[in-house]
N, C-alpha and C. Protein backbone atom coordinates (compact mmCIF):
# COMPACT_ATOMS: atom_id res chain seq x y z
N UNK A 1 155.19 120.14 82.04
CA UNK A 1 154.66 119.36 81.14
C UNK A 1 153.82 120.23 80.14
N UNK A 2 154.07 120.29 78.84
CA UNK A 2 153.23 121.07 77.91
C UNK A 2 151.98 120.31 77.51
N UNK A 3 150.92 120.93 77.02
CA UNK A 3 149.91 120.23 76.20
C UNK A 3 149.76 120.86 74.90
N UNK A 4 150.28 120.41 73.69
CA UNK A 4 150.21 120.75 72.53
C UNK A 4 148.66 120.86 72.13
N UNK A 5 148.22 121.92 71.39
CA UNK A 5 146.79 121.96 71.14
C UNK A 5 146.73 122.75 69.72
N UNK A 6 145.99 122.29 68.96
CA UNK A 6 145.61 122.85 67.49
C UNK A 6 144.61 123.92 67.70
N UNK A 7 144.75 124.96 66.77
CA UNK A 7 143.84 126.27 66.72
C UNK A 7 143.06 125.51 65.69
N UNK A 8 141.56 125.94 65.74
CA UNK A 8 140.92 125.83 64.83
C UNK A 8 139.93 126.91 64.20
N UNK A 9 139.76 126.87 63.17
CA UNK A 9 139.33 128.11 62.42
C UNK A 9 137.92 127.54 61.80
N UNK A 10 136.84 128.37 62.05
CA UNK A 10 135.56 127.94 61.38
C UNK A 10 135.06 129.25 60.76
N UNK A 11 135.10 129.20 59.33
CA UNK A 11 134.66 129.99 58.29
C UNK A 11 133.01 129.97 58.01
N UNK A 12 132.57 131.25 58.24
CA UNK A 12 131.28 131.29 57.86
C UNK A 12 130.90 132.55 57.12
N UNK A 13 129.78 132.69 56.36
CA UNK A 13 129.47 133.65 55.36
C UNK A 13 129.60 135.21 56.44
N UNK A 14 129.08 135.12 57.38
CA UNK A 14 129.42 136.48 58.34
C UNK A 14 130.53 136.84 59.10
N UNK A 15 131.44 135.91 58.74
CA UNK A 15 132.88 135.95 59.51
C UNK A 15 133.64 134.48 59.94
N UNK A 16 134.68 134.69 60.53
CA UNK A 16 135.43 133.67 61.05
C UNK A 16 135.23 133.71 62.43
N UNK A 17 135.60 132.38 63.06
CA UNK A 17 135.71 132.26 64.58
C UNK A 17 136.87 131.23 64.78
N UNK A 18 137.78 131.76 65.67
CA UNK A 18 138.91 130.91 65.97
C UNK A 18 138.54 130.20 67.37
N UNK A 19 139.10 128.85 67.55
CA UNK A 19 138.82 128.35 68.82
C UNK A 19 140.00 127.47 69.30
N UNK A 20 140.35 127.70 70.55
CA UNK A 20 141.36 127.16 71.28
C UNK A 20 140.61 126.08 72.37
N UNK A 21 141.02 124.83 72.28
CA UNK A 21 140.44 123.95 73.09
C UNK A 21 141.43 123.55 74.18
N UNK A 22 140.92 123.75 75.60
CA UNK A 22 141.85 123.13 76.55
C UNK A 22 141.78 121.59 76.76
N UNK A 23 142.86 120.91 76.80
CA UNK A 23 142.72 119.46 77.16
C UNK A 23 142.06 119.30 78.62
N UNK A 24 141.65 118.25 78.85
CA UNK A 24 140.68 118.01 79.88
C UNK A 24 141.60 117.95 81.09
N UNK A 25 142.58 117.26 81.22
CA UNK A 25 143.55 117.38 82.28
C UNK A 25 143.94 118.74 82.85
N UNK A 26 144.17 119.88 81.86
CA UNK A 26 144.57 121.09 82.10
C UNK A 26 143.26 121.70 82.82
N UNK A 27 142.02 121.76 82.14
CA UNK A 27 140.86 122.19 82.73
C UNK A 27 140.78 121.86 83.93
N UNK A 28 140.92 120.49 84.48
CA UNK A 28 140.51 119.99 85.64
C UNK A 28 141.55 120.58 86.69
N UNK A 29 142.68 120.63 86.38
CA UNK A 29 143.92 121.13 87.11
C UNK A 29 143.47 122.64 87.55
N UNK A 30 143.21 123.34 86.68
CA UNK A 30 142.83 124.80 86.95
C UNK A 30 141.50 125.23 87.42
N UNK A 31 140.71 123.99 87.53
CA UNK A 31 139.33 124.12 88.12
C UNK A 31 138.45 125.22 87.28
N UNK A 32 138.54 125.04 85.97
CA UNK A 32 137.71 125.58 85.14
C UNK A 32 136.09 125.41 85.49
N UNK A 33 135.43 126.18 85.25
CA UNK A 33 133.67 126.16 85.17
C UNK A 33 133.29 126.09 83.68
N UNK A 34 132.14 125.64 83.65
CA UNK A 34 131.46 125.93 82.14
C UNK A 34 131.07 127.45 82.38
N UNK A 35 131.19 127.90 80.92
CA UNK A 35 130.83 129.15 80.78
C UNK A 35 131.68 130.49 81.56
N UNK A 36 132.64 129.99 82.32
CA UNK A 36 133.63 131.08 82.92
C UNK A 36 134.17 131.98 81.93
N UNK A 37 134.41 133.22 82.26
CA UNK A 37 134.62 134.09 81.39
C UNK A 37 136.24 134.42 81.83
N UNK A 38 137.26 134.42 80.63
CA UNK A 38 138.56 134.98 80.89
C UNK A 38 138.88 135.95 79.72
N UNK A 39 140.05 136.53 80.22
CA UNK A 39 140.55 138.02 79.38
C UNK A 39 141.84 137.29 78.67
N UNK A 40 142.19 137.61 77.64
CA UNK A 40 143.20 137.26 76.78
C UNK A 40 144.10 138.54 76.65
N UNK A 41 145.31 138.79 76.93
CA UNK A 41 146.00 139.87 76.61
C UNK A 41 147.34 139.21 75.73
N UNK A 42 147.66 140.12 74.51
CA UNK A 42 148.72 139.75 73.75
C UNK A 42 149.96 140.35 74.45
N UNK A 43 151.13 139.24 74.62
CA UNK A 43 152.19 139.81 75.26
C UNK A 43 152.98 140.05 74.11
N UNK A 44 153.19 139.13 73.13
CA UNK A 44 154.04 139.23 71.99
C UNK A 44 153.50 138.11 70.99
N UNK A 45 153.90 138.23 69.83
CA UNK A 45 153.41 137.37 68.58
C UNK A 45 153.53 135.89 69.21
N UNK A 46 154.29 135.59 69.92
CA UNK A 46 154.66 134.12 70.45
C UNK A 46 153.94 133.84 71.67
N UNK A 47 153.33 134.75 72.46
CA UNK A 47 152.78 134.46 73.86
C UNK A 47 151.47 135.26 74.12
N UNK A 48 150.64 134.50 74.51
CA UNK A 48 149.33 135.27 74.98
C UNK A 48 149.23 134.89 76.51
N UNK A 49 148.40 135.86 77.35
CA UNK A 49 148.36 135.66 78.71
C UNK A 49 146.80 135.52 78.65
N UNK A 50 146.38 134.81 79.76
CA UNK A 50 144.93 134.43 79.90
C UNK A 50 144.73 134.71 81.42
N UNK A 51 143.85 135.61 81.85
CA UNK A 51 143.69 135.88 82.98
C UNK A 51 142.10 135.73 83.44
N UNK A 52 141.89 134.97 84.46
CA UNK A 52 140.51 134.59 85.09
C UNK A 52 139.99 135.88 85.71
N UNK A 53 138.68 136.45 85.23
CA UNK A 53 138.32 137.52 85.83
C UNK A 53 137.47 137.34 87.21
N UNK A 54 137.42 136.06 87.44
CA UNK A 54 136.49 135.56 88.90
C UNK A 54 137.36 134.48 89.43
N UNK A 55 138.73 134.43 89.72
CA UNK A 55 139.12 132.95 90.12
C UNK A 55 138.31 132.24 91.00
N UNK A 56 138.40 130.74 91.14
CA UNK A 56 137.35 130.04 91.81
C UNK A 56 138.29 130.01 93.25
N UNK A 57 137.29 129.89 94.26
CA UNK A 57 137.66 129.58 95.69
C UNK A 57 138.53 128.65 95.77
N UNK A 58 139.56 128.54 96.55
CA UNK A 58 140.42 127.35 96.93
C UNK A 58 139.67 126.22 97.17
N UNK A 59 139.98 125.00 96.76
CA UNK A 59 139.29 123.98 97.36
C UNK A 59 140.22 123.25 98.26
N UNK A 60 139.76 122.58 99.16
CA UNK A 60 140.34 121.57 100.21
C UNK A 60 140.80 120.44 99.74
N UNK A 61 142.17 119.91 99.54
CA UNK A 61 142.48 118.78 99.24
C UNK A 61 141.78 117.52 99.65
N UNK A 62 141.84 116.52 99.02
CA UNK A 62 141.06 115.25 99.75
C UNK A 62 141.76 114.87 100.98
N UNK A 63 143.20 114.99 101.06
CA UNK A 63 143.74 114.58 102.20
C UNK A 63 143.50 115.46 103.58
N UNK A 64 143.09 116.83 103.21
CA UNK A 64 142.84 117.81 104.32
C UNK A 64 141.22 117.31 104.76
N UNK A 65 140.47 117.22 103.79
CA UNK A 65 139.14 116.69 104.28
C UNK A 65 139.15 115.36 104.89
N UNK A 66 139.79 114.52 104.52
CA UNK A 66 139.88 113.37 105.43
C UNK A 66 140.31 113.33 106.73
N UNK A 67 141.21 114.48 106.82
CA UNK A 67 141.92 114.59 108.10
C UNK A 67 140.58 115.00 109.04
N UNK A 68 140.07 116.17 108.57
CA UNK A 68 138.96 116.70 109.26
C UNK A 68 137.82 115.96 109.68
N UNK A 69 137.61 114.89 108.84
CA UNK A 69 136.35 114.07 109.02
C UNK A 69 136.95 113.10 110.11
N UNK A 70 138.04 112.61 110.26
CA UNK A 70 138.44 111.65 111.12
C UNK A 70 138.52 112.13 112.47
N UNK A 71 138.53 113.34 112.67
CA UNK A 71 138.80 114.07 113.94
C UNK A 71 137.35 114.08 114.86
């Protein structure tokens, strides 16, 4: 499933800034944190690659936590 997203451009006197916003569902699925740093690489004019410089630690699923607590 894809998440269509619009690119935003903010024009200022000192220059322009481009913004890409992540849909909340995608950010939660990826376990992003506020202020997290990522690195973009241009693969082609149709493809960008984003790499997390410090991936989050794996979270236990709710089912695994419930099983451990019941033991």
